[in-house]
N, C-alpha and C. Protein backbone atom coordinates (compact mmCIF):
# COMPACT_ATOMS: atom_id res chain seq x y z
N MET A 1 0.91 -1.05 -0.10
CA MET A 1 0.04 0.02 0.03
C MET A 1 0.92 1.23 -0.01
N ALA A 2 0.55 2.07 -0.91
CA ALA A 2 1.46 3.47 -0.93
C ALA A 2 0.64 4.66 0.03
N ASP A 3 1.37 5.46 0.60
CA ASP A 3 0.91 6.57 1.19
C ASP A 3 1.39 7.85 0.50
N LEU A 4 0.40 8.63 0.11
CA LEU A 4 0.81 10.04 -0.63
C LEU A 4 0.46 11.09 0.28
N LYS A 5 1.51 12.25 0.31
CA LYS A 5 1.28 13.13 1.21
C LYS A 5 1.52 14.26 0.40
N ALA A 6 0.61 15.46 0.28
CA ALA A 6 0.72 16.72 -0.48
C ALA A 6 0.84 17.74 0.69
N GLN A 7 1.77 18.52 0.75
CA GLN A 7 1.95 19.53 1.88
C GLN A 7 1.86 21.05 1.39
N SER A 8 1.14 21.99 1.98
CA SER A 8 1.21 23.43 1.88
C SER A 8 2.54 23.91 2.41
N PRO A 9 3.15 24.97 1.77
CA PRO A 9 4.27 25.67 2.44
C PRO A 9 4.16 26.27 3.71
N SER A 10 2.84 26.57 4.12
CA SER A 10 2.74 27.21 5.44
C SER A 10 1.21 26.74 5.95
N GLY A 11 1.23 26.34 7.00
CA GLY A 11 0.00 25.85 7.81
C GLY A 11 -0.98 27.11 7.87
N GLY A 12 -0.58 28.29 7.90
CA GLY A 12 -1.57 29.40 8.16
C GLY A 12 -1.90 30.07 6.92
N ALA A 13 -1.74 29.40 5.83
CA ALA A 13 -1.98 30.20 4.48
C ALA A 13 -3.65 30.34 4.46
N THR A 14 -3.97 31.58 3.78
CA THR A 14 -5.21 31.79 3.40
C THR A 14 -5.82 30.78 2.42
N PRO A 15 -7.16 30.72 2.43
CA PRO A 15 -7.78 29.76 1.20
C PRO A 15 -7.25 29.99 -0.17
N SER A 16 -6.97 31.34 -0.53
CA SER A 16 -6.56 31.62 -1.91
C SER A 16 -4.98 31.09 -1.91
N GLU A 17 -4.32 31.00 -0.80
CA GLU A 17 -2.98 30.72 -0.98
C GLU A 17 -2.67 29.21 -0.79
N ARG A 18 -3.70 28.25 -0.46
CA ARG A 18 -3.40 27.13 -0.12
C ARG A 18 -3.23 26.25 -1.58
N LYS A 19 -2.50 25.34 -1.40
CA LYS A 19 -2.10 24.51 -2.75
C LYS A 19 -3.45 23.57 -2.90
N ARG A 20 -3.58 23.35 -4.33
CA ARG A 20 -4.83 22.41 -4.80
C ARG A 20 -4.28 21.36 -5.45
N SER A 21 -4.66 20.25 -5.09
CA SER A 21 -4.04 18.95 -5.75
C SER A 21 -5.51 18.42 -6.41
N VAL A 22 -5.26 17.88 -7.76
CA VAL A 22 -6.27 17.26 -8.51
C VAL A 22 -5.89 15.99 -8.77
N PHE A 23 -6.78 14.76 -8.47
CA PHE A 23 -6.61 13.52 -8.94
C PHE A 23 -7.69 13.34 -9.90
N ALA A 24 -7.59 12.82 -11.09
CA ALA A 24 -8.29 12.81 -12.23
C ALA A 24 -9.07 11.22 -12.23
N GLU A 25 -10.02 11.17 -12.76
CA GLU A 25 -11.03 10.02 -12.70
C GLU A 25 -10.15 8.67 -13.39
N ASP A 26 -9.18 8.90 -14.04
CA ASP A 26 -8.45 7.76 -14.52
C ASP A 26 -7.25 7.11 -13.47
N LEU A 27 -7.33 7.75 -12.18
CA LEU A 27 -6.32 7.15 -11.34
C LEU A 27 -6.94 6.36 -10.28
N ARG A 28 -6.31 5.20 -10.05
CA ARG A 28 -6.69 4.25 -9.13
C ARG A 28 -5.56 3.94 -8.07
N ILE A 29 -6.11 4.09 -6.85
CA ILE A 29 -4.90 4.23 -5.66
C ILE A 29 -5.36 3.11 -4.60
N GLU A 30 -4.37 2.29 -4.21
CA GLU A 30 -4.77 1.53 -3.04
C GLU A 30 -3.68 2.04 -1.95
N GLY A 31 -3.99 2.64 -1.00
CA GLY A 31 -3.04 3.29 -0.08
C GLY A 31 -3.75 4.64 0.61
N ASN A 32 -3.14 5.32 1.41
CA ASN A 32 -3.53 6.48 1.95
C ASN A 32 -3.18 7.84 1.30
N ILE A 33 -4.08 9.01 1.30
CA ILE A 33 -3.55 10.04 0.79
C ILE A 33 -3.84 11.04 1.96
N ALA A 34 -2.88 12.08 2.02
CA ALA A 34 -3.06 13.14 3.11
C ALA A 34 -2.59 14.49 2.32
N SER A 35 -3.29 15.62 2.50
CA SER A 35 -2.86 16.95 2.07
C SER A 35 -3.21 17.93 3.06
N ASP A 36 -2.35 18.87 3.15
CA ASP A 36 -2.65 20.08 4.04
C ASP A 36 -3.46 21.13 3.34
N GLY A 37 -3.69 20.96 1.97
CA GLY A 37 -4.47 21.96 1.43
C GLY A 37 -5.65 21.46 0.84
N ILE A 38 -6.14 21.88 -0.44
CA ILE A 38 -7.34 21.46 -1.00
C ILE A 38 -6.98 20.25 -1.98
N LEU A 39 -8.07 19.25 -1.73
CA LEU A 39 -7.75 18.14 -2.58
C LEU A 39 -9.14 17.95 -3.48
N GLU A 40 -8.89 17.79 -4.72
CA GLU A 40 -10.00 17.37 -5.62
C GLU A 40 -9.64 16.13 -6.14
N PHE A 41 -10.73 15.05 -5.95
CA PHE A 41 -10.29 13.76 -6.17
C PHE A 41 -11.34 13.08 -6.91
N GLY A 42 -11.20 12.50 -8.16
CA GLY A 42 -12.21 12.05 -9.01
C GLY A 42 -11.78 10.62 -9.39
N GLY A 43 -10.90 10.11 -8.76
CA GLY A 43 -10.52 8.39 -9.06
C GLY A 43 -11.06 7.46 -8.25
N GLN A 44 -10.32 6.46 -8.06
CA GLN A 44 -10.93 5.23 -7.30
C GLN A 44 -9.70 5.05 -6.21
N LEU A 45 -10.42 5.00 -4.89
CA LEU A 45 -9.37 5.05 -3.75
C LEU A 45 -9.77 3.87 -2.80
N THR A 46 -9.02 2.89 -2.70
CA THR A 46 -9.05 1.95 -1.41
C THR A 46 -7.97 2.39 -0.32
N GLY A 47 -8.52 3.00 0.69
CA GLY A 47 -7.53 3.65 1.58
C GLY A 47 -8.24 4.77 2.24
N ASP A 48 -7.28 5.50 3.03
CA ASP A 48 -7.89 6.74 3.94
C ASP A 48 -7.50 8.03 3.04
N LEU A 49 -8.35 9.05 3.25
CA LEU A 49 -8.09 10.32 2.67
C LEU A 49 -8.13 11.30 3.82
N THR A 50 -7.33 12.23 4.08
CA THR A 50 -7.23 13.17 4.84
C THR A 50 -6.81 14.50 4.11
N ALA A 51 -7.49 15.54 4.37
CA ALA A 51 -7.22 16.78 3.76
C ALA A 51 -8.02 18.01 4.40
N ASP A 52 -7.38 19.21 4.27
CA ASP A 52 -8.06 20.36 4.90
C ASP A 52 -9.48 20.55 4.25
N ALA A 53 -9.55 20.60 3.02
CA ALA A 53 -10.67 20.87 2.04
C ALA A 53 -10.66 19.71 1.15
N LEU A 54 -11.65 19.02 1.00
CA LEU A 54 -11.74 17.81 0.22
C LEU A 54 -12.91 17.85 -0.76
N VAL A 55 -12.91 17.60 -2.22
CA VAL A 55 -13.90 17.43 -3.05
C VAL A 55 -13.77 16.13 -3.68
N LEU A 56 -14.90 15.25 -3.20
CA LEU A 56 -15.05 14.07 -4.02
C LEU A 56 -15.88 14.30 -5.07
N THR A 57 -15.42 14.23 -6.35
CA THR A 57 -16.09 14.67 -7.77
C THR A 57 -17.10 13.51 -8.02
N THR A 58 -17.76 13.76 -9.07
CA THR A 58 -18.91 12.91 -9.49
C THR A 58 -18.23 11.56 -9.90
N THR A 59 -16.97 11.54 -10.24
CA THR A 59 -16.47 10.22 -10.91
C THR A 59 -15.77 9.38 -9.58
N ALA A 60 -15.69 10.12 -8.33
CA ALA A 60 -14.97 9.43 -7.25
C ALA A 60 -15.49 8.24 -6.64
N ARG A 61 -14.87 7.24 -6.53
CA ARG A 61 -15.35 6.05 -5.83
C ARG A 61 -14.20 5.70 -4.69
N VAL A 62 -14.66 5.95 -3.39
CA VAL A 62 -13.85 5.95 -2.42
C VAL A 62 -14.44 4.79 -1.41
N LYS A 63 -13.39 3.92 -0.89
CA LYS A 63 -13.71 3.07 0.12
C LYS A 63 -12.61 3.18 1.15
N GLY A 64 -13.12 3.71 2.42
CA GLY A 64 -11.99 4.02 3.49
C GLY A 64 -12.49 5.08 4.31
N ASN A 65 -11.54 5.61 5.01
CA ASN A 65 -11.95 6.61 6.09
C ASN A 65 -11.39 7.99 5.61
N VAL A 66 -12.48 9.05 5.75
CA VAL A 66 -12.14 10.31 5.28
C VAL A 66 -12.08 11.36 6.44
N ARG A 67 -11.17 12.07 6.38
CA ARG A 67 -10.95 13.27 7.53
C ARG A 67 -10.77 14.44 6.75
N ALA A 68 -11.53 15.64 7.15
CA ALA A 68 -11.30 16.88 6.37
C ALA A 68 -12.04 17.92 7.40
N ARG A 69 -11.56 19.17 7.22
CA ARG A 69 -12.36 20.28 7.73
C ARG A 69 -13.44 20.60 6.97
N GLN A 70 -13.29 20.56 5.61
CA GLN A 70 -14.46 20.88 4.72
C GLN A 70 -14.58 19.68 3.64
N LEU A 71 -15.80 18.90 3.74
CA LEU A 71 -15.85 17.85 2.71
C LEU A 71 -17.01 18.13 1.96
N THR A 72 -16.96 18.02 0.45
CA THR A 72 -17.93 17.85 -0.29
C THR A 72 -18.06 16.54 -1.16
N ILE A 73 -19.07 15.86 -1.05
CA ILE A 73 -19.36 14.61 -1.67
C ILE A 73 -20.27 14.77 -2.85
N GLU A 74 -19.67 14.43 -4.07
CA GLU A 74 -20.58 14.37 -5.37
C GLU A 74 -20.48 12.93 -5.86
N GLY A 75 -19.61 12.19 -5.66
CA GLY A 75 -19.53 10.96 -5.97
C GLY A 75 -19.89 9.71 -5.13
N GLN A 76 -19.28 8.69 -5.08
CA GLN A 76 -19.44 7.55 -3.96
C GLN A 76 -18.37 7.35 -3.06
N LEU A 77 -19.00 7.13 -1.50
CA LEU A 77 -18.14 7.28 -0.55
C LEU A 77 -18.60 5.93 0.42
N GLN A 78 -17.82 4.99 0.66
CA GLN A 78 -18.34 3.76 1.65
C GLN A 78 -17.12 3.95 2.79
N GLY A 79 -17.59 4.11 4.06
CA GLY A 79 -16.50 3.77 4.98
C GLY A 79 -16.95 4.92 6.31
N GLU A 80 -15.86 5.64 6.84
CA GLU A 80 -16.08 6.27 7.92
C GLU A 80 -15.77 7.95 7.62
N VAL A 81 -16.68 8.77 7.82
CA VAL A 81 -16.32 10.18 7.85
C VAL A 81 -16.13 10.97 9.19
N ASN A 82 -15.06 11.93 9.25
CA ASN A 82 -14.88 12.78 10.33
C ASN A 82 -14.57 14.13 9.79
N ALA A 83 -15.55 15.23 9.74
CA ALA A 83 -15.36 16.24 9.25
C ALA A 83 -16.26 17.51 9.87
N LEU A 84 -15.62 18.69 9.71
CA LEU A 84 -16.45 19.79 10.44
C LEU A 84 -17.55 20.12 9.57
N LYS A 85 -17.34 20.48 8.45
CA LYS A 85 -18.46 20.80 7.44
C LYS A 85 -18.67 19.73 6.19
N VAL A 86 -19.88 19.13 6.20
CA VAL A 86 -20.05 18.28 5.23
C VAL A 86 -21.31 18.72 4.43
N SER A 87 -20.93 18.36 3.07
CA SER A 87 -21.90 18.82 2.04
C SER A 87 -22.17 17.59 0.97
N ILE A 88 -23.22 17.10 1.07
CA ILE A 88 -23.59 15.89 0.16
C ILE A 88 -24.55 16.30 -0.88
N LYS A 89 -23.90 16.26 -2.07
CA LYS A 89 -24.65 16.89 -3.21
C LYS A 89 -25.59 15.89 -4.00
N THR A 90 -26.48 16.36 -4.78
CA THR A 90 -27.47 15.64 -5.51
C THR A 90 -26.90 14.49 -6.30
N GLY A 91 -27.33 13.36 -6.34
CA GLY A 91 -26.51 12.24 -7.03
C GLY A 91 -25.45 11.50 -6.32
N ALA A 92 -24.93 12.14 -5.16
CA ALA A 92 -23.98 11.44 -4.45
C ALA A 92 -24.52 10.13 -3.80
N ARG A 93 -23.64 9.20 -3.47
CA ARG A 93 -23.97 7.91 -2.69
C ARG A 93 -23.03 7.80 -1.61
N VAL A 94 -23.57 7.81 -0.26
CA VAL A 94 -22.87 7.89 0.88
C VAL A 94 -23.27 6.73 1.58
N MET A 95 -22.31 5.74 1.87
CA MET A 95 -22.80 4.57 2.71
C MET A 95 -21.72 4.63 3.80
N ALA A 96 -21.94 5.51 4.70
CA ALA A 96 -20.85 5.90 5.74
C ALA A 96 -21.41 6.07 7.09
N ASN A 97 -20.64 5.88 8.06
CA ASN A 97 -20.97 6.68 9.39
C ASN A 97 -20.30 8.03 9.41
N VAL A 98 -21.09 8.97 9.57
CA VAL A 98 -20.60 10.47 9.35
C VAL A 98 -20.63 11.23 10.72
N ALA A 99 -19.37 11.65 11.23
CA ALA A 99 -19.41 12.51 12.39
C ALA A 99 -19.25 14.02 11.78
N TYR A 100 -20.00 14.99 12.11
CA TYR A 100 -19.91 16.22 11.56
C TYR A 100 -20.18 17.19 12.46
N ASP A 101 -19.85 18.58 12.19
CA ASP A 101 -20.43 19.72 12.91
C ASP A 101 -21.39 20.42 12.12
N GLN A 102 -21.33 20.60 10.74
CA GLN A 102 -22.47 21.17 9.98
C GLN A 102 -22.63 20.21 8.89
N LEU A 103 -23.74 19.98 8.41
CA LEU A 103 -24.33 18.97 7.48
C LEU A 103 -25.37 19.50 6.62
N ASP A 104 -25.04 19.29 5.38
CA ASP A 104 -25.94 19.72 4.23
C ASP A 104 -26.11 18.59 3.39
N ILE A 105 -27.43 18.04 3.30
CA ILE A 105 -27.65 16.95 2.25
C ILE A 105 -28.63 17.40 1.27
N ALA A 106 -28.39 17.29 -0.06
CA ALA A 106 -29.17 17.85 -1.17
C ALA A 106 -30.23 16.85 -1.47
N SER A 107 -31.36 17.25 -2.03
CA SER A 107 -32.45 16.38 -2.51
C SER A 107 -31.70 15.64 -3.51
N GLY A 108 -32.25 14.34 -3.59
CA GLY A 108 -31.74 13.45 -4.67
C GLY A 108 -30.24 12.71 -4.22
N ALA A 109 -29.70 13.04 -3.06
CA ALA A 109 -28.54 12.39 -2.54
C ALA A 109 -28.96 11.00 -1.86
N HIS A 110 -27.96 9.96 -2.02
CA HIS A 110 -28.42 8.73 -1.34
C HIS A 110 -27.55 8.60 -0.24
N VAL A 111 -28.23 8.31 0.91
CA VAL A 111 -27.28 8.37 2.19
C VAL A 111 -27.83 7.22 3.00
N GLU A 112 -26.72 6.48 3.60
CA GLU A 112 -27.16 5.29 4.49
C GLU A 112 -25.94 5.33 5.54
N GLY A 113 -26.34 5.11 6.81
CA GLY A 113 -25.21 5.08 7.82
C GLY A 113 -25.85 5.92 9.01
N LYS A 114 -24.92 5.88 9.98
CA LYS A 114 -25.19 6.57 11.33
C LYS A 114 -24.64 8.01 11.09
N TYR A 115 -25.36 9.06 11.45
CA TYR A 115 -25.04 10.52 11.53
C TYR A 115 -24.99 11.16 13.04
N SER A 116 -23.75 11.67 13.42
CA SER A 116 -23.68 12.11 14.75
C SER A 116 -22.81 13.52 14.70
N ARG A 117 -22.86 14.21 15.69
CA ARG A 117 -22.29 15.51 15.81
C ARG A 117 -20.91 15.28 16.15
N VAL A 118 -19.95 16.31 16.08
CA VAL A 118 -18.60 16.25 16.60
C VAL A 118 -18.64 17.63 17.12
N ASN A 119 -17.62 17.82 18.25
CA ASN A 119 -17.44 19.16 18.77
C ASN A 119 -16.37 19.89 17.87
N ALA A 120 -16.55 21.06 17.26
CA ALA A 120 -15.71 21.68 16.45
C ALA A 120 -14.55 22.27 17.34
N ASP A 121 -14.68 22.56 18.56
CA ASP A 121 -13.58 23.01 19.42
C ASP A 121 -12.57 21.88 19.59
N THR A 122 -12.78 20.81 19.55
CA THR A 122 -11.97 19.62 19.78
C THR A 122 -11.46 18.92 18.37
N PHE A 123 -11.85 19.30 17.41
CA PHE A 123 -11.87 18.67 16.27
C PHE A 123 -10.36 18.59 15.78
N LYS A 124 -9.59 17.70 15.25
CA LYS A 124 -8.19 17.71 14.77
C LYS A 124 -8.23 16.75 13.58
N LEU A 125 -7.34 17.28 12.53
CA LEU A 125 -7.03 16.47 11.25
C LEU A 125 -6.12 15.33 11.75
C-alpha cells in the first residue's frame, strides 16, 4: 500500500494561498492520501483520505476513512467520515458513518449510515 502526502508551504495560509491537488478519474490508488491543502479527487481509492478541504467529484469512488475540515461529496463514498463541514450533493451515494459539525444533504442524494455531531472545538485532522 502506498501513502501519498501533499503539503502546503505554510499551515497558516489563507484559502486563496493554499495548494490545490487534483486527482483525475483515470487514477486508481490502494493506499492513503493526506494533504494540508485543497484536494479534488475524482479517481478510485481503497484507503484513507485526509485533507483540509476535500472534494469528491462525481467520478470519485472511495472505500475508506475520510477526515477533513470541509468535505464535499458528489461521487461515491463507503466507510467512515469525520469532518467539520459536510456537504452531500445531488446524485452522491454515501454509505458511511458520518461525524460532523455542520451537515447539508441535497435532495436526490443517497445516504445510509449513522450521522452524529462532533465538537468543533476539539476537532483535529
